[in-house]
Amino acid sequence: MSAEPDESAWLRAMPLVFVLIWSTGFIVAKFGLPYAPPLGFLAWRYFFSILCFLAWIAVAGARWPEDPKQWWHLAVTGVLMHAGYLGGVWVAVELGMGSGLAALVVGLQPVLTAVWVSRIEGGQVTRVQWLGLLLGFGGLILVILRKLMAGTEVSAFTVAGTVFALLAITAGTLYQKRHLRATDVRTANAIQLGAALIATLPLTFLESEPVVWNAPLVAAMAWAVGVLTLGGSSLLYLLIQRGAATSVASLMYLVPPTTAIMAWFLFDELITAVTLIGTGLTALGVALVVRQPKPAASG
């Protein structure tokens, strides 16, 4: 009869699907970085993604934004959320920081977002949401406690890369929520990726390593383009447009635990009892942040 139940089920599933897709980004880095420098890989990823979106736009007849200001706002978010975030993380991983520790640093995003919303924008972050944010962060600490104690992945350069990525994706999320009107996700992504490519391409000339096209790199690139960019970035755009910035950002808390599970399955990396406890705390924290308050009883 009506398609509304199916649509409602998809909307409820969007956050889970996003977390699963986004978590594979660190796995892709492990497969792709041995054969390409980080910014070179990302530049090719943006280029192939733009081609895919342009083909999709042409077939579907998707409409481009009519307001020039929206093009500018999309370009700014593209530089922040693609070039800045991905560039910072991938450079840090290339320089020796493990994916778990990089994910922890970037995992501070929900806290920064909540602080900005409550202190700068005058928005409301409830006590329950603050509790959820703290639980989620505590869970993240437990997930990668072993790597933090080892301390072998930390240097001025790796910390700088991940902090830059953290600030970029936080600023991009807040900027998009404030300035962007609802736009077709395909044309929005094409504009964002075009800006990211323009920002990244000059920096690739500073890298001396060549891009070695082989089966592992092609597979990593295909996943990065087809799943991470076309799927993950599109879902992130839709989630930010539909939800509160704090709630959407809190989903990032789930990425490191999910990545740890994937790394255990794919690379036989150890999962301890502490990791499982941390994962549970993280999931509880996110549930507290994103839950909808019950309406007050009338009457």
C-alpha atoms as a PDB file:
ATOM      1  CA  MET A   1       0.000   0.000   0.000  1.00  0.00           C
ATOM      2  CA  SER A   2       1.951   3.019   1.211  1.00  0.00           C
ATOM      3  CA  ALA A   3       5.751   3.289   1.088  1.00  0.00           C
ATOM      4  CA  GLU A   4       5.826   5.240   4.351  1.00  0.00           C
ATOM      5  CA  PRO A   5       6.617   2.256   6.647  1.00  0.00           C
ATOM      6  CA  ASP A   6       9.591   1.314   4.455  1.00  0.00           C
ATOM      7  CA  GLU A   7      10.813   4.904   4.437  1.00  0.00           C
ATOM      8  CA  SER A   8      10.438   5.151   8.217  1.00  0.00           C
ATOM      9  CA  ALA A   9      12.436   1.934   8.687  1.00  0.00           C
ATOM     10  CA  TRP A  10      15.198   3.289   6.452  1.00  0.00           C
ATOM     11  CA  LEU A  11      15.340   6.557   8.404  1.00  0.00           C
ATOM     12  CA  ARG A  12      15.729   4.608  11.651  1.00  0.00           C
ATOM     13  CA  ALA A  13      18.458   2.461  10.114  1.00  0.00           C
ATOM     14  CA  MET A  14      20.440   5.373   8.655  1.00  0.00           C
ATOM     15  CA  PRO A  15      22.600   6.024  11.766  1.00  0.00           C
ATOM     16  CA  LEU A  16      23.574   2.350  12.075  1.00  0.00           C
ATOM     17  CA  VAL A  17      24.388   2.052   8.389  1.00  0.00           C
ATOM     18  CA  PHE A  18      26.437   5.259   8.575  1.00  0.00           C
ATOM     19  CA  VAL A  19      28.499   3.990  11.530  1.00  0.00           C
ATOM     20  CA  LEU A  20      29.208   0.676   9.786  1.00  0.00           C
ATOM     21  CA  ILE A  21      30.291   2.410   6.582  1.00  0.00           C
ATOM     22  CA  TRP A  22      32.304   5.184   8.268  1.00  0.00           C
ATOM     23  CA  SER A  23      34.187   2.668  10.412  1.00  0.00           C
ATOM     24  CA  THR A  24      35.633   1.012   7.317  1.00  0.00           C
ATOM     25  CA  GLY A  25      37.565   4.195   6.502  1.00  0.00           C
ATOM     26  CA  PHE A  26      40.382   3.223   8.849  1.00  0.00           C
ATOM     27  CA  ILE A  27      40.400  -0.305   7.401  1.00  0.00           C
ATOM     28  CA  VAL A  28      40.734   1.114   3.892  1.00  0.00           C
ATOM     29  CA  ALA A  29      43.702   3.172   5.042  1.00  0.00           C
ATOM     30  CA  LYS A  30      45.461   0.015   6.177  1.00  0.00           C
ATOM     31  CA  PHE A  31      44.928  -1.582   2.768  1.00  0.00           C
ATOM     32  CA  GLY A  32      45.678   1.479   0.637  1.00  0.00           C
ATOM     33  CA  LEU A  33      48.523   3.393   2.308  1.00  0.00           C
ATOM     34  CA  PRO A  34      51.278   0.846   1.562  1.00  0.00           C
ATOM     35  CA  TYR A  35      50.802   1.559  -2.138  1.00  0.00           C
ATOM     36  CA  ALA A  36      50.029   5.301  -2.239  1.00  0.00           C
ATOM     37  CA  PRO A  37      50.881   8.443  -0.250  1.00  0.00           C
ATOM     38  CA  PRO A  38      47.919   9.692   1.804  1.00  0.00           C
ATOM     39  CA  LEU A  39      47.116  12.893  -0.086  1.00  0.00           C
ATOM     40  CA  GLY A  40      47.737  11.254  -3.446  1.00  0.00           C
ATOM     41  CA  PHE A  41      45.279   8.495  -2.576  1.00  0.00           C
ATOM     42  CA  LEU A  42      42.705  11.035  -1.411  1.00  0.00           C
ATOM     43  CA  ALA A  43      43.084  13.181  -4.539  1.00  0.00           C
ATOM     44  CA  TRP A  44      42.374  10.172  -6.764  1.00  0.00           C
ATOM     45  CA  ARG A  45      39.497   9.216  -4.465  1.00  0.00           C
ATOM     46  CA  TYR A  46      37.924  12.669  -4.835  1.00  0.00           C
ATOM     47  CA  PHE A  47      38.438  12.612  -8.620  1.00  0.00           C
ATOM     48  CA  PHE A  48      36.797   9.209  -9.151  1.00  0.00           C
ATOM     49  CA  SER A  49      34.003  10.092  -6.725  1.00  0.00           C
ATOM     50  CA  ILE A  50      33.228  13.287  -8.644  1.00  0.00           C
ATOM     51  CA  LEU A  51      32.985  11.305 -11.886  1.00  0.00           C
ATOM     52  CA  CYS A  52      30.560   8.858 -10.246  1.00  0.00           C
ATOM     53  CA  PHE A  53      28.394  11.632  -8.842  1.00  0.00           C
ATOM     54  CA  LEU A  54      28.350  13.495 -12.160  1.00  0.00           C
ATOM     55  CA  ALA A  55      27.186  10.339 -13.951  1.00  0.00           C
ATOM     56  CA  TRP A  56      24.530   9.767 -11.282  1.00  0.00           C
ATOM     57  CA  ILE A  57      23.380  13.391 -11.552  1.00  0.00           C
ATOM     58  CA  ALA A  58      23.135  13.157 -15.341  1.00  0.00           C
ATOM     59  CA  VAL A  59      21.101   9.942 -15.265  1.00  0.00           C
ATOM     60  CA  ALA A  60      18.777  11.107 -12.481  1.00  0.00           C
ATOM     61  CA  GLY A  61      18.450  14.702 -13.679  1.00  0.00           C
ATOM     62  CA  ALA A  62      19.286  15.983 -10.200  1.00  0.00           C
ATOM     63  CA  ARG A  63      19.068  19.748  -9.749  1.00  0.00           C
ATOM     64  CA  TRP A  64      22.068  21.883  -8.892  1.00  0.00           C
ATOM     65  CA  PRO A  65      21.705  24.622  -6.245  1.00  0.00           C
ATOM     66  CA  GLU A  66      20.397  27.848  -7.750  1.00  0.00           C
ATOM     67  CA  ASP A  67      21.743  30.187  -5.062  1.00  0.00           C
ATOM     68  CA  PRO A  68      25.467  31.022  -5.564  1.00  0.00           C
ATOM     69  CA  LYS A  69      25.843  31.337  -1.781  1.00  0.00           C
ATOM     70  CA  GLN A  70      24.902  27.674  -1.420  1.00  0.00           C
ATOM     71  CA  TRP A  71      27.712  26.735  -3.812  1.00  0.00           C
ATOM     72  CA  TRP A  72      30.118  28.664  -1.612  1.00  0.00           C
ATOM     73  CA  HIS A  73      28.804  27.089   1.603  1.00  0.00           C
ATOM     74  CA  LEU A  74      29.044  23.617   0.055  1.00  0.00           C
ATOM     75  CA  ALA A  75      32.623  24.321  -1.031  1.00  0.00           C
ATOM     76  CA  VAL A  76      33.597  25.399   2.483  1.00  0.00           C
ATOM     77  CA  THR A  77      32.105  22.258   4.025  1.00  0.00           C
ATOM     78  CA  GLY A  78      33.830  20.148   1.368  1.00  0.00           C
ATOM     79  CA  VAL A  79      37.242  21.565   2.231  1.00  0.00           C
ATOM     80  CA  LEU A  80      36.609  21.055   5.953  1.00  0.00           C
ATOM     81  CA  MET A  81      34.877  17.671   5.995  1.00  0.00           C
ATOM     82  CA  HIS A  82      36.771  15.986   3.167  1.00  0.00           C
ATOM     83  CA  ALA A  83      40.138  17.643   2.591  1.00  0.00           C
ATOM     84  CA  GLY A  84      40.690  18.732   6.207  1.00  0.00           C
ATOM     85  CA  TYR A  85      39.303  15.742   8.083  1.00  0.00           C
ATOM     86  CA  LEU A  86      40.468  12.940   5.794  1.00  0.00           C
ATOM     87  CA  GLY A  87      43.771  14.630   5.013  1.00  0.00           C
ATOM     88  CA  GLY A  88      44.638  15.046   8.689  1.00  0.00           C
ATOM     89  CA  VAL A  89      43.711  11.478   9.636  1.00  0.00           C
ATOM     90  CA  TRP A  90      45.440   9.818   6.687  1.00  0.00           C
ATOM     91  CA  VAL A  91      48.657  11.806   7.152  1.00  0.00           C
ATOM     92  CA  ALA A  92      48.712  10.885  10.853  1.00  0.00           C
ATOM     93  CA  VAL A  93      48.187   7.195  10.062  1.00  0.00           C
ATOM     94  CA  GLU A  94      50.924   7.338   7.419  1.00  0.00           C
ATOM     95  CA  LEU A  95      53.306   8.845   9.996  1.00  0.00           C
ATOM     96  CA  GLY A  96      52.726   5.974  12.420  1.00  0.00           C
ATOM     97  CA  MET A  97      49.593   6.658  14.462  1.00  0.00           C
ATOM     98  CA  GLY A  98      47.335   3.628  14.711  1.00  0.00           C
ATOM     99  CA  SER A  99      43.767   3.831  13.493  1.00  0.00           C
ATOM    100  CA  GLY A 100      42.395   3.315  17.021  1.00  0.00           C
ATOM    101  CA  LEU A 101      44.291   6.228  18.518  1.00  0.00           C
ATOM    102  CA  ALA A 102      43.477   8.448  15.532  1.00  0.00           C
ATOM    103  CA  ALA A 103      39.823   7.550  15.968  1.00  0.00           C
ATOM    104  CA  LEU A 104      39.994   8.475  19.655  1.00  0.00           C
ATOM    105  CA  VAL A 105      41.326  11.959  18.963  1.00  0.00           C
ATOM    106  CA  VAL A 106      38.709  12.551  16.280  1.00  0.00           C
ATOM    107  CA  GLY A 107      36.204  11.014  18.701  1.00  0.00           C
ATOM    108  CA  LEU A 108      36.398  14.196  20.762  1.00  0.00           C
ATOM    109  CA  GLN A 109      34.154  15.766  18.124  1.00  0.00           C
ATOM    110  CA  PRO A 110      30.879  15.185  20.037  1.00  0.00           C
ATOM    111  CA  VAL A 111      32.277  17.007  23.077  1.00  0.00           C
ATOM    112  CA  LEU A 112      33.502  19.974  21.012  1.00  0.00           C
ATOM    113  CA  THR A 113      30.191  20.112  19.176  1.00  0.00           C
ATOM    114  CA  ALA A 114      28.191  20.050  22.404  1.00  0.00           C
ATOM    115  CA  VAL A 115      30.361  22.750  23.996  1.00  0.00           C
ATOM    116  CA  TRP A 116      29.970  24.977  20.928  1.00  0.00           C
ATOM    117  CA  VAL A 117      26.201  24.431  20.718  1.00  0.00           C
ATOM    118  CA  SER A 118      25.628  25.117  24.414  1.00  0.00           C
ATOM    119  CA  ARG A 119      28.148  27.923  25.023  1.00  0.00           C
ATOM    120  CA  ILE A 120      28.406  29.760  21.704  1.00  0.00           C
ATOM    121  CA  GLU A 121      25.112  29.190  19.917  1.00  0.00           C
ATOM    122  CA  GLY A 122      23.014  29.209  23.075  1.00  0.00           C
ATOM    123  CA  GLY A 123      21.495  25.834  22.276  1.00  0.00           C
ATOM    124  CA  GLN A 124      20.417  23.322  24.895  1.00  0.00           C
ATOM    125  CA  VAL A 125      22.453  20.233  25.736  1.00  0.00           C
ATOM    126  CA  THR A 126      20.618  18.417  28.508  1.00  0.00           C
ATOM    127  CA  ARG A 127      22.219  16.841  31.568  1.00  0.00           C
ATOM    128  CA  VAL A 128      21.357  13.399  30.245  1.00  0.00           C
ATOM    129  CA  GLN A 129      23.114  14.234  26.968  1.00  0.00           C
ATOM    130  CA  TRP A 130      26.203  15.484  28.828  1.00  0.00           C
ATOM    131  CA  LEU A 131      26.204  12.220  30.776  1.00  0.00           C
ATOM    132  CA  GLY A 132      25.966  10.323  27.505  1.00  0.00           C
ATOM    133  CA  LEU A 133      28.856  12.298  26.026  1.00  0.00           C
ATOM    134  CA  LEU A 134      31.052  11.557  29.037  1.00  0.00           C
ATOM    135  CA  LEU A 135      30.123   7.870  29.035  1.00  0.00           C
ATOM    136  CA  GLY A 136      30.867   7.651  25.336  1.00  0.00           C
ATOM    137  CA  PHE A 137      34.266   9.272  25.763  1.00  0.00           C
ATOM    138  CA  GLY A 138      35.079   7.012  28.696  1.00  0.00           C
ATOM    139  CA  GLY A 139      34.154   4.018  26.592  1.00  0.00           C
ATOM    140  CA  LEU A 140      36.500   5.212  23.843  1.00  0.00           C
ATOM    141  CA  ILE A 141      39.365   5.472  26.326  1.00  0.00           C
ATOM    142  CA  LEU A 142      38.790   1.861  27.399  1.00  0.00           C
ATOM    143  CA  VAL A 143      38.599   0.638  23.798  1.00  0.00           C
ATOM    144  CA  ILE A 144      42.139   1.769  22.986  1.00  0.00           C
ATOM    145  CA  LEU A 145      43.646   1.871  26.488  1.00  0.00           C
ATOM    146  CA  ARG A 146      46.399  -0.581  25.561  1.00  0.00           C
ATOM    147  CA  LYS A 147      47.589   1.578  22.670  1.00  0.00           C
ATOM    148  CA  LEU A 148      47.465   4.717  24.799  1.00  0.00           C
ATOM    149  CA  MET A 149      49.614   3.095  27.501  1.00  0.00           C
ATOM    150  CA  ALA A 150      52.195   1.966  24.933  1.00  0.00           C
ATOM    151  CA  GLY A 151      52.629   5.565  23.737  1.00  0.00           C
ATOM    152  CA  THR A 152      54.542   4.543  20.613  1.00  0.00           C
ATOM    153  CA  GLU A 153      52.128   6.157  18.161  1.00  0.00           C
ATOM    154  CA  VAL A 154      52.331   9.696  19.513  1.00  0.00           C
ATOM    155  CA  SER A 155      54.531  12.408  18.035  1.00  0.00           C
ATOM    156  CA  ALA A 156      54.150  16.100  17.375  1.00  0.00           C
ATOM    157  CA  PHE A 157      53.276  15.373  13.735  1.00  0.00           C
ATOM    158  CA  THR A 158      50.726  12.622  14.354  1.00  0.00           C
ATOM    159  CA  VAL A 159      49.015  14.638  17.088  1.00  0.00           C
ATOM    160  CA  ALA A 160      48.961  17.721  14.854  1.00  0.00           C
ATOM    161  CA  GLY A 161      47.388  15.739  12.010  1.00  0.00           C
ATOM    162  CA  THR A 162      44.602  14.256  14.107  1.00  0.00           C
ATOM    163  CA  VAL A 163      43.866  17.481  15.998  1.00  0.00           C
ATOM    164  CA  PHE A 164      43.630  19.284  12.667  1.00  0.00           C
ATOM    165  CA  ALA A 165      41.228  16.592  11.446  1.00  0.00           C
ATOM    166  CA  LEU A 166      39.166  16.918  14.645  1.00  0.00           C
ATOM    167  CA  LEU A 167      38.827  20.683  14.301  1.00  0.00           C
ATOM    168  CA  ALA A 168      38.040  20.390  10.584  1.00  0.00           C
ATOM    169  CA  ILE A 169      35.183  17.889  10.888  1.00  0.00           C
ATOM    170  CA  THR A 170      33.727  19.675  13.942  1.00  0.00           C
ATOM    171  CA  ALA A 171      33.781  23.033  12.145  1.00  0.00           C
ATOM    172  CA  GLY A 172      32.409  21.427   8.986  1.00  0.00           C
ATOM    173  CA  THR A 173      29.506  19.788  10.824  1.00  0.00           C
ATOM    174  CA  LEU A 174      28.526  23.008  12.581  1.00  0.00           C
ATOM    175  CA  TYR A 175      28.997  25.114   9.437  1.00  0.00           C
ATOM    176  CA  GLN A 176      26.841  22.780   7.351  1.00  0.00           C
ATOM    177  CA  LYS A 177      24.082  22.681   9.943  1.00  0.00           C
ATOM    178  CA  ARG A 178      23.992  26.473  10.190  1.00  0.00           C
ATOM    179  CA  HIS A 179      24.435  27.620   6.585  1.00  0.00           C
ATOM    180  CA  LEU A 180      23.253  24.897   4.207  1.00  0.00           C
ATOM    181  CA  ARG A 181      19.691  24.594   3.047  1.00  0.00           C
ATOM    182  CA  ALA A 182      18.279  21.248   1.951  1.00  0.00           C
ATOM    183  CA  THR A 183      20.005  20.373  -1.337  1.00  0.00           C
ATOM    184  CA  ASP A 184      20.064  17.269  -3.506  1.00  0.00           C
ATOM    185  CA  VAL A 185      22.676  15.054  -1.853  1.00  0.00           C
ATOM    186  CA  ARG A 186      24.273  14.117  -5.192  1.00  0.00           C
ATOM    187  CA  THR A 187      24.926  17.651  -6.399  1.00  0.00           C
ATOM    188  CA  ALA A 188      25.934  18.704  -2.882  1.00  0.00           C
ATOM    189  CA  ASN A 189      28.549  15.960  -2.730  1.00  0.00           C
ATOM    190  CA  ALA A 190      29.861  16.752  -6.202  1.00  0.00           C
ATOM    191  CA  ILE A 191      30.459  20.383  -5.212  1.00  0.00           C
ATOM    192  CA  GLN A 192      32.008  19.442  -1.864  1.00  0.00           C
ATOM    193  CA  LEU A 193      34.354  16.907  -3.452  1.00  0.00           C
ATOM    194  CA  GLY A 194      35.339  19.356  -6.185  1.00  0.00           C
ATOM    195  CA  ALA A 195      36.398  21.864  -3.540  1.00  0.00           C
ATOM    196  CA  ALA A 196      38.258  19.142  -1.617  1.00  0.00           C
ATOM    197  CA  LEU A 197      40.117  18.112  -4.766  1.00  0.00           C
ATOM    198  CA  ILE A 198      41.134  21.711  -5.510  1.00  0.00           C
ATOM    199  CA  ALA A 199      42.420  22.094  -1.934  1.00  0.00           C
ATOM    200  CA  THR A 200      44.255  18.749  -1.874  1.00  0.00           C
ATOM    201  CA  LEU A 201      45.813  18.562  -5.337  1.00  0.00           C
ATOM    202  CA  PRO A 202      48.573  21.185  -4.812  1.00  0.00           C
ATOM    203  CA  LEU A 203      49.677  19.417  -1.628  1.00  0.00           C
ATOM    204  CA  THR A 204      50.215  16.125  -3.452  1.00  0.00           C
ATOM    205  CA  PHE A 205      53.293  17.627  -5.141  1.00  0.00           C
ATOM    206  CA  LEU A 206      54.955  17.705  -1.714  1.00  0.00           C
ATOM    207  CA  GLU A 207      54.759  13.904  -1.511  1.00  0.00           C
ATOM    208  CA  SER A 208      57.662  11.946  -2.968  1.00  0.00           C
ATOM    209  CA  GLU A 209      56.176   8.424  -2.934  1.00  0.00           C
ATOM    210  CA  PRO A 210      54.534   7.237  -6.160  1.00  0.00           C
ATOM    211  CA  VAL A 211      51.050   5.772  -6.472  1.00  0.00           C
ATOM    212  CA  VAL A 212      51.489   2.064  -7.281  1.00  0.00           C
ATOM    213  CA  TRP A 213      48.361   0.791  -8.998  1.00  0.00           C
ATOM    214  CA  ASN A 214      47.871  -2.858  -8.112  1.00  0.00           C
ATOM    215  CA  ALA A 215      45.009  -5.118  -7.029  1.00  0.00           C
ATOM    216  CA  PRO A 216      45.010  -4.131  -3.308  1.00  0.00           C
ATOM    217  CA  LEU A 217      45.095  -0.413  -4.137  1.00  0.00           C
ATOM    218  CA  VAL A 218      42.351  -0.731  -6.756  1.00  0.00           C
ATOM    219  CA  ALA A 219      40.194  -2.641  -4.263  1.00  0.00           C
ATOM    220  CA  ALA A 220      40.809  -0.046  -1.547  1.00  0.00           C
ATOM    221  CA  MET A 221      40.052   2.779  -3.982  1.00  0.00           C
ATOM    222  CA  ALA A 222      36.865   1.104  -5.206  1.00  0.00           C
ATOM    223  CA  TRP A 223      35.615   0.717  -1.638  1.00  0.00           C
ATOM    224  CA  ALA A 224      36.629   4.263  -0.712  1.00  0.00           C
ATOM    225  CA  VAL A 225      34.786   5.706  -3.705  1.00  0.00           C
ATOM    226  CA  GLY A 226      31.777   3.422  -3.979  1.00  0.00           C
ATOM    227  CA  VAL A 227      30.999   2.838  -0.310  1.00  0.00           C
ATOM    228  CA  LEU A 228      32.713   5.485   1.815  1.00  0.00           C
ATOM    229  CA  THR A 229      32.201   8.536  -0.383  1.00  0.00           C
ATOM    230  CA  LEU A 230      29.027   7.752  -2.345  1.00  0.00           C
ATOM    231  CA  GLY A 231      27.434   6.007   0.637  1.00  0.00           C
ATOM    232  CA  GLY A 232      29.013   7.299   3.849  1.00  0.00           C
ATOM    233  CA  SER A 233      29.411  10.951   2.910  1.00  0.00           C
ATOM    234  CA  SER A 234      25.891  11.074   1.499  1.00  0.00           C
ATOM    235  CA  LEU A 235      24.465   9.588   4.697  1.00  0.00           C
ATOM    236  CA  LEU A 236      26.438  12.052   6.832  1.00  0.00           C
ATOM    237  CA  TYR A 237      25.072  14.949   4.776  1.00  0.00           C
ATOM    238  CA  LEU A 238      21.497  13.671   5.177  1.00  0.00           C
ATOM    239  CA  LEU A 239      21.906  13.015   8.908  1.00  0.00           C
ATOM    240  CA  ILE A 240      23.227  16.522   9.557  1.00  0.00           C
ATOM    241  CA  GLN A 241      20.353  18.006   7.569  1.00  0.00           C
ATOM    242  CA  ARG A 242      17.775  15.948   9.467  1.00  0.00           C
ATOM    243  CA  GLY A 243      19.149  15.890  13.020  1.00  0.00           C
ATOM    244  CA  ALA A 244      20.636  18.015  15.775  1.00  0.00           C
ATOM    245  CA  ALA A 245      24.373  18.572  15.475  1.00  0.00           C
ATOM    246  CA  THR A 246      25.135  17.109  18.906  1.00  0.00           C
ATOM    247  CA  SER A 247      23.158  13.929  18.256  1.00  0.00           C
ATOM    248  CA  VAL A 248      24.710  13.362  14.829  1.00  0.00           C
ATOM    249  CA  ALA A 249      28.224  14.023  16.111  1.00  0.00           C
ATOM    250  CA  SER A 250      27.744  11.503  18.922  1.00  0.00           C
ATOM    251  CA  LEU A 251      27.532   8.735  16.320  1.00  0.00           C
ATOM    252  CA  MET A 252      31.278   9.219  15.827  1.00  0.00           C
ATOM    253  CA  TYR A 253      31.730   7.675  19.279  1.00  0.00           C
ATOM    254  CA  LEU A 254      30.652   4.334  17.809  1.00  0.00           C
ATOM    255  CA  VAL A 255      33.276   4.376  15.063  1.00  0.00           C
ATOM    256  CA  PRO A 256      36.387   3.293  17.067  1.00  0.00           C
ATOM    257  CA  PRO A 257      34.689   0.294  18.739  1.00  0.00           C
ATOM    258  CA  THR A 258      33.229  -0.778  15.410  1.00  0.00           C
ATOM    259  CA  THR A 259      36.628  -0.364  13.771  1.00  0.00           C
ATOM    260  CA  ALA A 260      38.199  -2.490  16.528  1.00  0.00           C
ATOM    261  CA  ILE A 261      35.730  -5.296  15.841  1.00  0.00           C
ATOM    262  CA  MET A 262      36.415  -5.100  12.107  1.00  0.00           C
ATOM    263  CA  ALA A 263      40.188  -5.138  12.708  1.00  0.00           C
ATOM    264  CA  TRP A 264      39.765  -8.216  14.916  1.00  0.00           C
ATOM    265  CA  PHE A 265      37.832  -9.978  12.160  1.00  0.00           C
ATOM    266  CA  LEU A 266      40.084  -8.925   9.260  1.00  0.00           C
ATOM    267  CA  PHE A 267      43.535  -8.638  10.836  1.00  0.00           C
ATOM    268  CA  ASP A 268      43.174 -10.782  13.979  1.00  0.00           C
ATOM    269  CA  GLU A 269      43.842  -7.775  16.229  1.00  0.00           C
ATOM    270  CA  LEU A 270      43.241  -8.527  19.907  1.00  0.00           C
ATOM    271  CA  ILE A 271      39.920  -7.661  21.555  1.00  0.00           C
ATOM    272  CA  THR A 272      40.049  -7.749  25.345  1.00  0.00           C
ATOM    273  CA  ALA A 273      37.358  -7.744  28.008  1.00  0.00           C
ATOM    274  CA  VAL A 274      38.178  -4.080  28.645  1.00  0.00           C
ATOM    275  CA  THR A 275      37.478  -3.385  24.959  1.00  0.00           C
ATOM    276  CA  LEU A 276      34.072  -5.054  25.223  1.00  0.00           C
ATOM    277  CA  ILE A 277      33.210  -3.046  28.351  1.00  0.00           C
ATOM    278  CA  GLY A 278      34.301   0.159  26.604  1.00  0.00           C
ATOM    279  CA  THR A 279      32.174  -0.682  23.590  1.00  0.00           C
ATOM    280  CA  GLY A 280      29.142  -1.173  25.839  1.00  0.00           C
ATOM    281  CA  LEU A 281      29.721   2.151  27.596  1.00  0.00           C
ATOM    282  CA  THR A 282      30.086   3.896  24.257  1.00  0.00           C
ATOM    283  CA  ALA A 283      26.844   2.450  22.930  1.00  0.00           C
ATOM    284  CA  LEU A 284      25.025   3.478  26.132  1.00  0.00           C
ATOM    285  CA  GLY A 285      26.452   6.996  25.898  1.00  0.00           C
ATOM    286  CA  VAL A 286      25.281   7.432  22.316  1.00  0.00           C
ATOM    287  CA  ALA A 287      21.836   6.104  23.220  1.00  0.00           C
ATOM    288  CA  LEU A 288      21.528   8.761  25.933  1.00  0.00           C
ATOM    289  CA  VAL A 289      22.583  11.541  23.562  1.00  0.00           C
ATOM    290  CA  VAL A 290      20.301  10.678  20.651  1.00  0.00           C
ATOM    291  CA  ARG A 291      17.216   9.547  22.547  1.00  0.00           C
ATOM    292  CA  GLN A 292      14.143  11.689  22.096  1.00  0.00           C
ATOM    293  CA  PRO A 293      12.714  13.190  25.328  1.00  0.00           C
ATOM    294  CA  LYS A 294       9.200  12.160  26.174  1.00  0.00           C
ATOM    295  CA  PRO A 295       6.629  14.898  25.618  1.00  0.00           C
ATOM    296  CA  ALA A 296       5.235  16.430  28.773  1.00  0.00           C
ATOM    297  CA  ALA A 297       1.821  15.182  29.769  1.00  0.00           C
ATOM    298  CA  SER A 298      -0.932  17.655  29.092  1.00  0.00           C
ATOM    299  CA  GLY A 299      -3.401  18.644  31.437  1.00  0.00           C
END
